[in-house]
Protein backbone atom coordinates (compact mmCIF):
# COMPACT_ATOMS: atom_id res chain seq x y z
CA MET A 1 4.93 18.01 -39.02
CA ARG A 2 2.09 15.80 -37.66
CA LYS A 3 -1.13 15.74 -39.70
CA THR A 4 -3.28 13.95 -37.09
CA GLN A 5 -5.58 16.24 -35.16
CA PHE A 6 -6.50 15.48 -31.56
CA GLU A 7 -9.99 16.19 -30.27
CA PRO A 8 -11.38 15.70 -26.76
CA LEU A 9 -13.71 12.71 -26.24
CA SER A 10 -17.14 13.44 -24.88
CA LYS A 11 -17.82 9.98 -23.36
CA ILE A 12 -16.10 6.60 -23.10
CA THR A 13 -18.13 3.43 -22.54
CA ILE A 14 -16.42 0.26 -21.27
CA ASN A 15 -18.37 -2.96 -21.77
CA ASN A 16 -15.67 -5.41 -20.69
CA PRO A 17 -16.67 -6.93 -17.30
CA ASP A 18 -13.01 -7.65 -16.49
CA LEU A 19 -12.37 -3.90 -16.41
CA ILE A 20 -15.27 -3.05 -14.12
CA SER A 21 -13.74 -1.73 -10.91
CA HIS A 22 -16.83 -2.05 -8.72
CA SER A 23 -18.19 -5.42 -7.75
CA ASN A 24 -21.01 -6.27 -5.39
CA PRO A 25 -21.65 -9.53 -3.50
CA ILE A 26 -24.57 -11.67 -4.67
CA THR A 27 -25.72 -15.22 -4.03
CA ILE A 28 -26.70 -17.39 -7.00
CA VAL A 29 -29.49 -19.84 -6.15
CA CYS A 30 -30.18 -22.92 -8.31
CA SER A 31 -33.36 -24.94 -7.86
CA LYS A 32 -33.86 -28.68 -8.33
CA LEU A 33 -35.92 -28.02 -11.47
CA GLY A 34 -33.11 -25.93 -13.00
CA TRP A 35 -34.19 -22.34 -12.30
CA ILE A 36 -31.53 -19.85 -11.26
CA LYS A 37 -31.83 -16.47 -9.62
CA ALA A 38 -29.59 -14.03 -7.78
CA ILE A 39 -30.07 -12.43 -4.39
CA LYS A 40 -28.08 -9.39 -3.31
CA GLY A 41 -25.54 -10.10 -0.56
CA HIS A 42 -23.66 -13.03 1.00
CA ASN A 43 -24.35 -15.17 4.09
CA ILE A 44 -28.08 -15.25 3.36
CA ASP A 45 -30.44 -17.62 5.17
CA LEU A 46 -32.00 -19.53 2.27
CA SER A 47 -34.37 -21.60 4.44
CA ASP A 48 -37.14 -19.03 3.86
CA GLU A 49 -36.50 -18.77 0.09
CA LYS A 50 -39.65 -19.48 -1.93
CA PHE A 51 -39.76 -21.77 -4.96
CA LYS A 52 -42.50 -22.93 -7.32
CA GLU A 53 -44.63 -25.84 -6.20
CA GLY A 54 -42.65 -29.11 -6.36
CA ASP A 55 -39.32 -27.30 -6.56
CA LYS A 56 -36.67 -26.79 -3.88
CA LEU A 57 -33.14 -25.53 -3.34
CA LEU A 58 -30.43 -27.55 -5.09
CA ALA A 59 -27.35 -25.35 -4.61
CA SER A 60 -26.20 -21.83 -3.88
CA LEU A 61 -23.00 -19.99 -4.71
CA GLU A 62 -21.66 -16.74 -3.29
CA VAL A 63 -20.06 -14.67 -6.06
CA MET A 64 -19.37 -11.08 -7.05
CA THR A 65 -21.32 -9.28 -9.79
CA ASN A 66 -18.37 -9.26 -12.18
CA ASP A 67 -17.76 -13.04 -11.87
CA LYS A 68 -18.72 -15.45 -14.64
CA ILE A 69 -21.05 -18.36 -13.88
CA ILE A 70 -20.53 -21.60 -15.82
CA MET A 71 -23.46 -24.04 -15.98
CA PHE A 72 -23.25 -27.65 -17.17
CA CYS A 73 -26.44 -29.30 -18.42
CA GLN A 74 -27.37 -32.98 -18.49
CA ASN A 75 -27.40 -32.94 -22.29
CA GLY A 76 -23.70 -31.98 -22.43
CA ARG A 77 -24.15 -28.28 -23.12
CA VAL A 78 -22.21 -25.65 -21.21
CA PHE A 79 -23.39 -22.07 -20.68
CA THR A 80 -21.51 -19.04 -19.36
CA ILE A 81 -23.26 -15.95 -18.00
CA LEU A 82 -22.03 -12.88 -16.18
CA ALA A 83 -23.32 -13.00 -12.58
CA ASP A 84 -24.63 -9.44 -12.91
CA ASN A 85 -26.91 -10.60 -15.75
CA VAL A 86 -28.56 -13.17 -13.47
CA LEU A 87 -29.30 -10.37 -11.03
CA LYS A 88 -31.04 -8.36 -13.76
CA THR A 89 -33.46 -11.14 -14.78
């Protein structure tokens, strides 16, 4: 006879980005002074994108919101951030 009792779960929360089924296109923009931001969508004309005075576009990358972004710094440090988190900042 089994002593374990089964009860229905009220809510399940999944925090693992690899298991997220929905993913949206975003474009990560990196400026010459090291600022990053995300813009919703792909194939975006970045010629009109505004930057702080003295700053300009260095690079852009089209990704999905559940992709991981890896950044290498001049001092040898490496950072990883979920693309969706860049969108939220």
